[in-house]
PDB file of all heavy atoms in Angstrom:
ATOM      1  N   LEU A   1     -15.462 -26.448 -12.622  1.00  0.00           N
ATOM      2  CA  LEU A   1     -16.400 -25.592 -11.862  1.00  0.00           C
ATOM      3  C   LEU A   1     -15.681 -24.309 -11.438  1.00  0.00           C
ATOM      4  O   LEU A   1     -14.484 -24.327 -11.194  1.00  0.00           O
ATOM      5  CB  LEU A   1     -16.883 -26.351 -10.584  1.00  0.00           C
ATOM      6  CG  LEU A   1     -17.689 -27.634 -10.856  1.00  0.00           C
ATOM      7  CD1 LEU A   1     -17.901 -28.365  -9.561  1.00  0.00           C
ATOM      8  CD2 LEU A   1     -19.037 -27.246 -11.504  1.00  0.00           C
ATOM      9  N   PRO A   2     -16.389 -23.225 -11.238  1.00  0.00           N
ATOM     10  CA  PRO A   2     -15.754 -22.007 -10.808  1.00  0.00           C
ATOM     11  C   PRO A   2     -15.575 -22.058  -9.290  1.00  0.00           C
ATOM     12  O   PRO A   2     -16.404 -21.535  -8.536  1.00  0.00           O
ATOM     13  CB  PRO A   2     -16.684 -20.903 -11.210  1.00  0.00           C
ATOM     14  CG  PRO A   2     -18.061 -21.585 -11.234  1.00  0.00           C
ATOM     15  CD  PRO A   2     -17.786 -23.052 -11.628  1.00  0.00           C
ATOM     16  N   THR A   3     -14.521 -22.705  -8.855  1.00  0.00           N
ATOM     17  CA  THR A   3     -14.319 -22.956  -7.428  1.00  0.00           C
ATOM     18  C   THR A   3     -12.804 -23.029  -7.161  1.00  0.00           C
ATOM     19  O   THR A   3     -12.006 -22.798  -8.025  1.00  0.00           O
ATOM     20  CB  THR A   3     -14.974 -24.243  -6.943  1.00  0.00           C
ATOM     21  OG1 THR A   3     -14.977 -24.333  -5.545  1.00  0.00           O
ATOM     22  CG2 THR A   3     -14.368 -25.455  -7.615  1.00  0.00           C
ATOM     23  N   SER A   4     -12.456 -23.344  -5.920  1.00  0.00           N
ATOM     24  CA  SER A   4     -11.048 -23.434  -5.544  1.00  0.00           C
ATOM     25  C   SER A   4     -10.573 -24.870  -5.651  1.00  0.00           C
ATOM     26  O   SER A   4     -11.303 -25.795  -5.314  1.00  0.00           O
ATOM     27  CB  SER A   4     -10.903 -22.916  -4.108  1.00  0.00           C
ATOM     28  OG  SER A   4      -9.553 -22.989  -3.708  1.00  0.00           O
ATOM     29  N   TYR A   5      -9.365 -25.007  -6.190  1.00  0.00           N
ATOM     30  CA  TYR A   5      -8.768 -26.372  -6.336  1.00  0.00           C
ATOM     31  C   TYR A   5      -7.447 -26.458  -5.603  1.00  0.00           C
ATOM     32  O   TYR A   5      -6.644 -25.541  -5.667  1.00  0.00           O
ATOM     33  CB  TYR A   5      -8.501 -26.643  -7.881  1.00  0.00           C
ATOM     34  CG  TYR A   5      -9.752 -26.747  -8.675  1.00  0.00           C
ATOM     35  CD1 TYR A   5     -10.289 -25.594  -9.275  1.00  0.00           C
ATOM     36  CD2 TYR A   5     -10.410 -27.953  -8.856  1.00  0.00           C
ATOM     37  CE1 TYR A   5     -11.444 -25.703 -10.030  1.00  0.00           C
ATOM     38  CE2 TYR A   5     -11.592 -28.073  -9.580  1.00  0.00           C
ATOM     39  CZ  TYR A   5     -12.082 -26.937 -10.197  1.00  0.00           C
ATOM     40  OH  TYR A   5     -13.223 -27.021 -10.908  1.00  0.00           O
ATOM     41  N   ARG A   6      -7.237 -27.611  -4.979  1.00  0.00           N
ATOM     42  CA  ARG A   6      -5.919 -27.875  -4.376  1.00  0.00           C
ATOM     43  C   ARG A   6      -4.973 -28.318  -5.435  1.00  0.00           C
ATOM     44  O   ARG A   6      -5.304 -29.118  -6.287  1.00  0.00           O
ATOM     45  CB  ARG A   6      -6.056 -28.999  -3.302  1.00  0.00           C
ATOM     46  CG  ARG A   6      -6.857 -28.579  -2.094  1.00  0.00           C
ATOM     47  CD  ARG A   6      -6.955 -29.646  -1.102  1.00  0.00           C
ATOM     48  NE  ARG A   6      -7.761 -29.244   0.043  1.00  0.00           N
ATOM     49  CZ  ARG A   6      -8.454 -30.026   0.785  1.00  0.00           C
ATOM     50  NH1 ARG A   6      -8.461 -31.321   0.584  1.00  0.00           N
ATOM     51  NH2 ARG A   6      -9.138 -29.540   1.841  1.00  0.00           N
ATOM     52  N   ILE A   7      -3.742 -27.764  -5.365  1.00  0.00           N
ATOM     53  CA  ILE A   7      -2.746 -28.058  -6.372  1.00  0.00           C
ATOM     54  C   ILE A   7      -1.736 -28.992  -5.806  1.00  0.00           C
ATOM     55  O   ILE A   7      -1.025 -28.655  -4.875  1.00  0.00           O
ATOM     56  CB  ILE A   7      -2.118 -26.732  -6.864  1.00  0.00           C
ATOM     57  CG1 ILE A   7      -3.136 -25.718  -7.300  1.00  0.00           C
ATOM     58  CG2 ILE A   7      -1.081 -27.010  -7.937  1.00  0.00           C
ATOM     59  CD1 ILE A   7      -4.097 -26.184  -8.371  1.00  0.00           C
ATOM     60  N   ASP A   8      -1.630 -30.165  -6.390  1.00  0.00           N
ATOM     61  CA  ASP A   8      -0.612 -31.163  -6.007  1.00  0.00           C
ATOM     62  C   ASP A   8       0.592 -30.998  -6.971  1.00  0.00           C
ATOM     63  O   ASP A   8       0.524 -30.301  -7.927  1.00  0.00           O
ATOM     64  CB  ASP A   8      -1.153 -32.594  -6.087  1.00  0.00           C
ATOM     65  CG  ASP A   8      -2.249 -32.863  -5.019  1.00  0.00           C
ATOM     66  OD1 ASP A   8      -2.169 -32.198  -3.962  1.00  0.00           O
ATOM     67  OD2 ASP A   8      -3.077 -33.694  -5.268  1.00  0.00           O
ATOM     68  N   LYS A   9       1.658 -31.775  -6.661  1.00  0.00           N
ATOM     69  CA  LYS A   9       2.832 -31.719  -7.511  1.00  0.00           C
ATOM     70  C   LYS A   9       2.546 -31.916  -8.930  1.00  0.00           C
ATOM     71  O   LYS A   9       3.018 -31.172  -9.839  1.00  0.00           O
ATOM     72  CB  LYS A   9       3.845 -32.798  -7.021  1.00  0.00           C
ATOM     73  CG  LYS A   9       4.342 -32.584  -5.625  1.00  0.00           C
ATOM     74  CD  LYS A   9       5.217 -33.713  -5.211  1.00  0.00           C
ATOM     75  CE  LYS A   9       5.519 -33.697  -3.754  1.00  0.00           C
ATOM     76  NZ  LYS A   9       6.156 -34.890  -3.231  1.00  0.00           N
ATOM     77  N   ASN A  10       1.808 -32.989  -9.271  1.00  0.00           N
ATOM     78  CA  ASN A  10       1.580 -33.299 -10.687  1.00  0.00           C
ATOM     79  C   ASN A  10       0.138 -33.047 -11.117  1.00  0.00           C
ATOM     80  O   ASN A  10      -0.261 -33.521 -12.169  1.00  0.00           O
ATOM     81  CB  ASN A  10       1.881 -34.822 -10.893  1.00  0.00           C
ATOM     82  CG  ASN A  10       3.317 -35.157 -10.540  1.00  0.00           C
ATOM     83  OD1 ASN A  10       4.197 -34.319 -10.805  1.00  0.00           O
ATOM     84  ND2 ASN A  10       3.529 -36.291  -9.947  1.00  0.00           N
ATOM     85  N   ASP A  11      -0.637 -32.374 -10.327  1.00  0.00           N
ATOM     86  CA  ASP A  11      -2.056 -32.226 -10.661  1.00  0.00           C
ATOM     87  C   ASP A  11      -2.478 -30.741 -10.426  1.00  0.00           C
ATOM     88  O   ASP A  11      -2.623 -30.307  -9.310  1.00  0.00           O
ATOM     89  CB  ASP A  11      -2.885 -33.159  -9.796  1.00  0.00           C
ATOM     90  CG  ASP A  11      -4.341 -33.130 -10.215  1.00  0.00           C
ATOM     91  OD1 ASP A  11      -4.650 -32.857 -11.380  1.00  0.00           O
ATOM     92  OD2 ASP A  11      -5.226 -33.371  -9.320  1.00  0.00           O
ATOM     93  N   ASP A  12      -2.686 -30.072 -11.533  1.00  0.00           N
ATOM     94  CA  ASP A  12      -3.212 -28.692 -11.503  1.00  0.00           C
ATOM     95  C   ASP A  12      -4.390 -28.639 -12.487  1.00  0.00           C
ATOM     96  O   ASP A  12      -4.190 -28.476 -13.683  1.00  0.00           O
ATOM     97  CB  ASP A  12      -2.122 -27.693 -11.886  1.00  0.00           C
ATOM     98  CG  ASP A  12      -2.643 -26.252 -11.931  1.00  0.00           C
ATOM     99  OD1 ASP A  12      -3.852 -26.022 -11.685  1.00  0.00           O
ATOM    100  OD2 ASP A  12      -1.839 -25.361 -12.162  1.00  0.00           O
ATOM    101  N   PRO A  13      -5.596 -28.793 -11.958  1.00  0.00           N
ATOM    102  CA  PRO A  13      -6.806 -28.816 -12.821  1.00  0.00           C
ATOM    103  C   PRO A  13      -6.980 -27.539 -13.640  1.00  0.00           C
ATOM    104  O   PRO A  13      -7.586 -27.579 -14.743  1.00  0.00           O
ATOM    105  CB  PRO A  13      -7.993 -28.955 -11.860  1.00  0.00           C
ATOM    106  CG  PRO A  13      -7.387 -29.477 -10.586  1.00  0.00           C
ATOM    107  CD  PRO A  13      -5.978 -28.947 -10.565  1.00  0.00           C
ATOM    108  N   THR A  14      -6.396 -26.448 -13.239  1.00  0.00           N
ATOM    109  CA  THR A  14      -6.584 -25.165 -13.926  1.00  0.00           C
ATOM    110  C   THR A  14      -5.593 -24.961 -15.079  1.00  0.00           C
ATOM    111  O   THR A  14      -5.716 -24.000 -15.793  1.00  0.00           O
ATOM    112  CB  THR A  14      -6.487 -23.999 -12.945  1.00  0.00           C
ATOM    113  OG1 THR A  14      -5.116 -23.913 -12.460  1.00  0.00           O
ATOM    114  CG2 THR A  14      -7.414 -24.085 -11.815  1.00  0.00           C
ATOM    115  N   LYS A  15      -4.626 -25.849 -15.218  1.00  0.00           N
ATOM    116  CA  LYS A  15      -3.562 -25.602 -16.170  1.00  0.00           C
ATOM    117  C   LYS A  15      -4.016 -25.506 -17.654  1.00  0.00           C
ATOM    118  O   LYS A  15      -3.414 -24.828 -18.447  1.00  0.00           O
ATOM    119  CB  LYS A  15      -2.452 -26.692 -16.058  1.00  0.00           C
ATOM    120  CG  LYS A  15      -2.811 -28.027 -16.556  1.00  0.00           C
ATOM    121  CD  LYS A  15      -1.656 -28.988 -16.482  1.00  0.00           C
ATOM    122  CE  LYS A  15      -2.082 -30.361 -16.967  1.00  0.00           C
ATOM    123  NZ  LYS A  15      -2.407 -31.359 -15.990  1.00  0.00           N
ATOM    124  N   ASP A  16      -5.088 -26.189 -18.024  1.00  0.00           N
ATOM    125  CA  ASP A  16      -5.560 -26.217 -19.391  1.00  0.00           C
ATOM    126  C   ASP A  16      -6.615 -25.119 -19.666  1.00  0.00           C
ATOM    127  O   ASP A  16      -7.016 -24.873 -20.788  1.00  0.00           O
ATOM    128  CB  ASP A  16      -6.187 -27.566 -19.739  1.00  0.00           C
ATOM    129  CG  ASP A  16      -5.170 -28.660 -19.721  1.00  0.00           C
ATOM    130  OD1 ASP A  16      -3.991 -28.425 -20.051  1.00  0.00           O
ATOM    131  OD2 ASP A  16      -5.523 -29.823 -19.367  1.00  0.00           O
ATOM    132  N   LEU A  17      -7.061 -24.446 -18.652  1.00  0.00           N
ATOM    133  CA  LEU A  17      -8.083 -23.376 -18.779  1.00  0.00           C
ATOM    134  C   LEU A  17      -7.559 -22.236 -19.584  1.00  0.00           C
ATOM    135  O   LEU A  17      -6.489 -21.722 -19.266  1.00  0.00           O
ATOM    136  CB  LEU A  17      -8.565 -22.942 -17.394  1.00  0.00           C
ATOM    137  CG  LEU A  17      -9.742 -21.928 -17.374  1.00  0.00           C
ATOM    138  CD1 LEU A  17     -10.994 -22.513 -17.964  1.00  0.00           C
ATOM    139  CD2 LEU A  17     -10.021 -21.631 -15.867  1.00  0.00           C
ATOM    140  N   SER A  18      -8.318 -21.821 -20.632  1.00  0.00           N
ATOM    141  CA  SER A  18      -7.850 -20.699 -21.443  1.00  0.00           C
ATOM    142  C   SER A  18      -9.099 -19.924 -21.868  1.00  0.00           C
ATOM    143  O   SER A  18     -10.236 -20.276 -21.623  1.00  0.00           O
ATOM    144  CB  SER A  18      -7.117 -21.214 -22.687  1.00  0.00           C
ATOM    145  OG  SER A  18      -8.051 -21.785 -23.594  1.00  0.00           O
ATOM    146  N   LYS A  19      -8.841 -18.827 -22.546  1.00  0.00           N
ATOM    147  CA  LYS A  19      -9.944 -17.939 -23.032  1.00  0.00           C
ATOM    148  C   LYS A  19     -10.741 -18.598 -24.154  1.00  0.00           C
ATOM    149  O   LYS A  19     -11.753 -18.100 -24.580  1.00  0.00           O
ATOM    150  CB  LYS A  19      -9.391 -16.593 -23.548  1.00  0.00           C
ATOM    151  CG  LYS A  19      -8.609 -15.853 -22.482  1.00  0.00           C
ATOM    152  CD  LYS A  19      -9.478 -15.363 -21.344  1.00  0.00           C
ATOM    153  CE  LYS A  19      -8.653 -14.563 -20.325  1.00  0.00           C
ATOM    154  NZ  LYS A  19      -9.395 -14.235 -19.138  1.00  0.00           N
ATOM    155  N   ASP A  20     -10.242 -19.754 -24.680  1.00  0.00           N
ATOM    156  CA  ASP A  20     -10.984 -20.472 -25.708  1.00  0.00           C
ATOM    157  C   ASP A  20     -12.098 -21.324 -25.131  1.00  0.00           C
ATOM    158  O   ASP A  20     -12.920 -21.880 -25.848  1.00  0.00           O
ATOM    159  CB  ASP A  20     -10.048 -21.415 -26.521  1.00  0.00           C
ATOM    160  CG  ASP A  20      -9.048 -20.580 -27.326  1.00  0.00           C
ATOM    161  OD1 ASP A  20      -9.403 -19.486 -27.744  1.00  0.00           O
ATOM    162  OD2 ASP A  20      -7.920 -21.119 -27.542  1.00  0.00           O
ATOM    163  N   TRP A  21     -12.087 -21.477 -23.799  1.00  0.00           N
ATOM    164  CA  TRP A  21     -13.176 -22.262 -23.157  1.00  0.00           C
ATOM    165  C   TRP A  21     -14.497 -21.474 -23.165  1.00  0.00           C
ATOM    166  O   TRP A  21     -14.495 -20.278 -23.399  1.00  0.00           O
ATOM    167  CB  TRP A  21     -12.791 -22.530 -21.711  1.00  0.00           C
ATOM    168  CG  TRP A  21     -11.763 -23.690 -21.532  1.00  0.00           C
ATOM    169  CD1 TRP A  21     -10.643 -23.822 -22.270  1.00  0.00           C
ATOM    170  CD2 TRP A  21     -11.826 -24.698 -20.591  1.00  0.00           C
ATOM    171  NE1 TRP A  21      -9.925 -24.897 -21.783  1.00  0.00           N
ATOM    172  CE2 TRP A  21     -10.638 -25.484 -20.788  1.00  0.00           C
ATOM    173  CE3 TRP A  21     -12.711 -25.081 -19.573  1.00  0.00           C
ATOM    174  CZ2 TRP A  21     -10.383 -26.579 -19.994  1.00  0.00           C
ATOM    175  CZ3 TRP A  21     -12.458 -26.190 -18.829  1.00  0.00           C
ATOM    176  CH2 TRP A  21     -11.300 -26.966 -19.041  1.00  0.00           C
ATOM    177  N   PHE A  22     -15.582 -22.140 -22.916  1.00  0.00           N
ATOM    178  CA  PHE A  22     -16.906 -21.517 -22.835  1.00  0.00           C
ATOM    179  C   PHE A  22     -17.381 -21.442 -21.383  1.00  0.00           C
ATOM    180  O   PHE A  22     -17.044 -22.271 -20.571  1.00  0.00           O
ATOM    181  CB  PHE A  22     -17.911 -22.283 -23.662  1.00  0.00           C
ATOM    182  CG  PHE A  22     -17.754 -22.095 -25.148  1.00  0.00           C
ATOM    183  CD1 PHE A  22     -16.854 -22.963 -25.860  1.00  0.00           C
ATOM    184  CD2 PHE A  22     -18.391 -21.149 -25.831  1.00  0.00           C
ATOM    185  CE1 PHE A  22     -16.701 -22.826 -27.227  1.00  0.00           C
ATOM    186  CE2 PHE A  22     -18.228 -20.998 -27.175  1.00  0.00           C
ATOM    187  CZ  PHE A  22     -17.365 -21.836 -27.886  1.00  0.00           C
ATOM    188  N   ASP A  23     -18.146 -20.437 -21.133  1.00  0.00           N
ATOM    189  CA  ASP A  23     -18.751 -20.219 -19.809  1.00  0.00           C
ATOM    190  C   ASP A  23     -20.268 -20.458 -19.960  1.00  0.00           C
ATOM    191  O   ASP A  23     -20.958 -19.742 -20.719  1.00  0.00           O
ATOM    192  CB  ASP A  23     -18.503 -18.727 -19.406  1.00  0.00           C
ATOM    193  CG  ASP A  23     -19.004 -18.380 -18.022  1.00  0.00           C
ATOM    194  OD1 ASP A  23     -19.750 -19.201 -17.435  1.00  0.00           O
ATOM    195  OD2 ASP A  23     -18.613 -17.301 -17.549  1.00  0.00           O
ATOM    196  N   LEU A  24     -20.762 -21.450 -19.273  1.00  0.00           N
ATOM    197  CA  LEU A  24     -22.196 -21.695 -19.173  1.00  0.00           C
ATOM    198  C   LEU A  24     -22.682 -21.014 -17.926  1.00  0.00           C
ATOM    199  O   LEU A  24     -22.256 -21.336 -16.816  1.00  0.00           O
ATOM    200  CB  LEU A  24     -22.468 -23.203 -19.126  1.00  0.00           C
ATOM    201  CG  LEU A  24     -23.937 -23.595 -18.925  1.00  0.00           C
ATOM    202  CD1 LEU A  24     -24.773 -23.153 -20.105  1.00  0.00           C
ATOM    203  CD2 LEU A  24     -24.074 -25.058 -18.642  1.00  0.00           C
ATOM    204  N   PHE A  25     -23.586 -20.021 -18.096  1.00  0.00           N
ATOM    205  CA  PHE A  25     -24.024 -19.235 -16.924  1.00  0.00           C
ATOM    206  C   PHE A  25     -25.484 -18.984 -17.012  1.00  0.00           C
ATOM    207  O   PHE A  25     -26.143 -19.076 -18.037  1.00  0.00           O
ATOM    208  CB  PHE A  25     -23.242 -17.951 -16.834  1.00  0.00           C
ATOM    209  CG  PHE A  25     -23.493 -17.013 -17.961  1.00  0.00           C
ATOM    210  CD1 PHE A  25     -24.416 -15.977 -17.890  1.00  0.00           C
ATOM    211  CD2 PHE A  25     -22.733 -17.070 -19.139  1.00  0.00           C
ATOM    212  CE1 PHE A  25     -24.643 -15.058 -18.905  1.00  0.00           C
ATOM    213  CE2 PHE A  25     -22.906 -16.212 -20.191  1.00  0.00           C
ATOM    214  CZ  PHE A  25     -23.900 -15.202 -20.078  1.00  0.00           C
ATOM    215  N   GLU A  26     -26.066 -18.636 -15.810  1.00  0.00           N
ATOM    216  CA  GLU A  26     -27.472 -18.356 -15.695  1.00  0.00           C
ATOM    217  C   GLU A  26     -27.667 -16.874 -15.448  1.00  0.00           C
ATOM    218  O   GLU A  26     -26.920 -16.225 -14.750  1.00  0.00           O
ATOM    219  CB  GLU A  26     -28.057 -19.155 -14.471  1.00  0.00           C
ATOM    220  CG  GLU A  26     -29.571 -19.036 -14.347  1.00  0.00           C
ATOM    221  CD  GLU A  26     -29.991 -17.877 -13.434  1.00  0.00           C
ATOM    222  OE1 GLU A  26     -29.193 -17.470 -12.548  1.00  0.00           O
ATOM    223  OE2 GLU A  26     -31.121 -17.391 -13.530  1.00  0.00           O
ATOM    224  N   LYS A  27     -28.659 -16.274 -16.186  1.00  0.00           N
ATOM    225  CA  LYS A  27     -28.984 -14.860 -16.022  1.00  0.00           C
ATOM    226  C   LYS A  27     -30.519 -14.710 -16.177  1.00  0.00           C
ATOM    227  O   LYS A  27     -31.005 -15.101 -17.250  1.00  0.00           O
ATOM    228  CB  LYS A  27     -28.210 -14.016 -17.022  1.00  0.00           C
ATOM    229  CG  LYS A  27     -28.501 -12.566 -16.929  1.00  0.00           C
ATOM    230  CD  LYS A  27     -27.731 -11.770 -18.023  1.00  0.00           C
ATOM    231  CE  LYS A  27     -28.091 -10.312 -17.934  1.00  0.00           C
ATOM    232  NZ  LYS A  27     -27.428  -9.567 -19.034  1.00  0.00           N
ATOM    233  N   ASP A  28     -31.163 -14.244 -15.169  1.00  0.00           N
ATOM    234  CA  ASP A  28     -32.561 -13.937 -15.169  1.00  0.00           C
ATOM    235  C   ASP A  28     -33.383 -15.163 -15.577  1.00  0.00           C
ATOM    236  O   ASP A  28     -34.326 -15.128 -16.323  1.00  0.00           O
ATOM    237  CB  ASP A  28     -32.906 -12.823 -16.119  1.00  0.00           C
ATOM    238  CG  ASP A  28     -32.228 -11.502 -15.712  1.00  0.00           C
ATOM    239  OD1 ASP A  28     -32.102 -11.256 -14.499  1.00  0.00           O
ATOM    240  OD2 ASP A  28     -31.882 -10.743 -16.608  1.00  0.00           O
ATOM    241  N   GLY A  29     -32.980 -16.361 -15.018  1.00  0.00           N
ATOM    242  CA  GLY A  29     -33.723 -17.597 -15.281  1.00  0.00           C
ATOM    243  C   GLY A  29     -33.470 -18.276 -16.628  1.00  0.00           C
ATOM    244  O   GLY A  29     -33.995 -19.306 -16.938  1.00  0.00           O
ATOM    245  N   SER A  30     -32.573 -17.690 -17.463  1.00  0.00           N
ATOM    246  CA  SER A  30     -32.183 -18.293 -18.710  1.00  0.00           C
ATOM    247  C   SER A  30     -30.693 -18.661 -18.679  1.00  0.00           C
ATOM    248  O   SER A  30     -29.953 -18.137 -17.853  1.00  0.00           O
ATOM    249  CB  SER A  30     -32.425 -17.315 -19.849  1.00  0.00           C
ATOM    250  OG  SER A  30     -33.803 -17.043 -19.988  1.00  0.00           O
ATOM    251  N   TYR A  31     -30.315 -19.539 -19.558  1.00  0.00           N
ATOM    252  CA  TYR A  31     -28.933 -19.990 -19.614  1.00  0.00           C
ATOM    253  C   TYR A  31     -28.273 -19.561 -20.940  1.00  0.00           C
ATOM    254  O   TYR A  31     -28.906 -19.594 -21.977  1.00  0.00           O
ATOM    255  CB  TYR A  31     -28.866 -21.528 -19.477  1.00  0.00           C
ATOM    256  CG  TYR A  31     -29.400 -21.955 -18.140  1.00  0.00           C
ATOM    257  CD1 TYR A  31     -30.800 -22.254 -17.980  1.00  0.00           C
ATOM    258  CD2 TYR A  31     -28.594 -22.087 -17.054  1.00  0.00           C
ATOM    259  CE1 TYR A  31     -31.299 -22.663 -16.750  1.00  0.00           C
ATOM    260  CE2 TYR A  31     -29.078 -22.460 -15.826  1.00  0.00           C
ATOM    261  CZ  TYR A  31     -30.449 -22.697 -15.687  1.00  0.00           C
ATOM    262  OH  TYR A  31     -30.966 -23.094 -14.440  1.00  0.00           O
ATOM    263  N   TYR A  32     -26.946 -19.247 -20.806  1.00  0.00           N
ATOM    264  CA  TYR A  32     -26.239 -18.674 -21.952  1.00  0.00           C
ATOM    265  C   TYR A  32     -24.847 -19.342 -21.993  1.00  0.00           C
ATOM    266  O   TYR A  32     -24.278 -19.727 -20.979  1.00  0.00           O
ATOM    267  CB  TYR A  32     -26.066 -17.199 -21.840  1.00  0.00           C
ATOM    268  CG  TYR A  32     -27.365 -16.472 -21.768  1.00  0.00           C
ATOM    269  CD1 TYR A  32     -28.017 -16.230 -20.590  1.00  0.00           C
ATOM    270  CD2 TYR A  32     -27.981 -16.023 -22.963  1.00  0.00           C
ATOM    271  CE1 TYR A  32     -29.264 -15.569 -20.563  1.00  0.00           C
ATOM    272  CE2 TYR A  32     -29.196 -15.351 -22.936  1.00  0.00           C
ATOM    273  CZ  TYR A  32     -29.847 -15.127 -21.717  1.00  0.00           C
ATOM    274  OH  TYR A  32     -31.043 -14.457 -21.698  1.00  0.00           O
ATOM    275  N   LEU A  33     -24.274 -19.362 -23.196  1.00  0.00           N
ATOM    276  CA  LEU A  33     -22.912 -19.749 -23.475  1.00  0.00           C
ATOM    277  C   LEU A  33     -22.166 -18.554 -24.013  1.00  0.00           C
ATOM    278  O   LEU A  33     -22.646 -17.951 -24.982  1.00  0.00           O
ATOM    279  CB  LEU A  33     -22.822 -20.885 -24.456  1.00  0.00           C
ATOM    280  CG  LEU A  33     -22.939 -22.303 -23.920  1.00  0.00           C
ATOM    281  CD1 LEU A  33     -23.068 -23.266 -25.074  1.00  0.00           C
ATOM    282  CD2 LEU A  33     -21.800 -22.687 -23.014  1.00  0.00           C
ATOM    283  N   GLU A  34     -21.015 -18.229 -23.474  1.00  0.00           N
ATOM    284  CA  GLU A  34     -20.160 -17.199 -23.994  1.00  0.00           C
ATOM    285  C   GLU A  34     -18.725 -17.682 -23.812  1.00  0.00           C
ATOM    286  O   GLU A  34     -18.467 -18.573 -23.039  1.00  0.00           O
ATOM    287  CB  GLU A  34     -20.350 -15.865 -23.241  1.00  0.00           C
ATOM    288  CG  GLU A  34     -21.595 -15.160 -23.544  1.00  0.00           C
ATOM    289  CD  GLU A  34     -21.711 -13.821 -22.842  1.00  0.00           C
ATOM    290  OE1 GLU A  34     -20.768 -13.405 -22.133  1.00  0.00           O
ATOM    291  OE2 GLU A  34     -22.790 -13.152 -22.976  1.00  0.00           O
ATOM    292  N   LYS A  35     -17.836 -17.018 -24.505  1.00  0.00           N
ATOM    293  CA  LYS A  35     -16.384 -17.333 -24.279  1.00  0.00           C
ATOM    294  C   LYS A  35     -16.088 -16.973 -22.829  1.00  0.00           C
ATOM    295  O   LYS A  35     -16.566 -15.981 -22.292  1.00  0.00           O
ATOM    296  CB  LYS A  35     -15.521 -16.502 -25.228  1.00  0.00           C
ATOM    297  CG  LYS A  35     -15.519 -17.012 -26.618  1.00  0.00           C
ATOM    298  CD  LYS A  35     -14.855 -18.367 -26.758  1.00  0.00           C
ATOM    299  CE  LYS A  35     -14.727 -18.839 -28.188  1.00  0.00           C
ATOM    300  NZ  LYS A  35     -13.922 -20.071 -28.309  1.00  0.00           N
TER     301      LYS A  35
END
């Protein structure tokens, strides 16, 4: 989710996030997928 995450010693949920992921977003009542 596009939110804030607490980072523990062994747990960083954002570590795998890259530009290869997709963004599912809403615009004007419709939904789209983009890099």
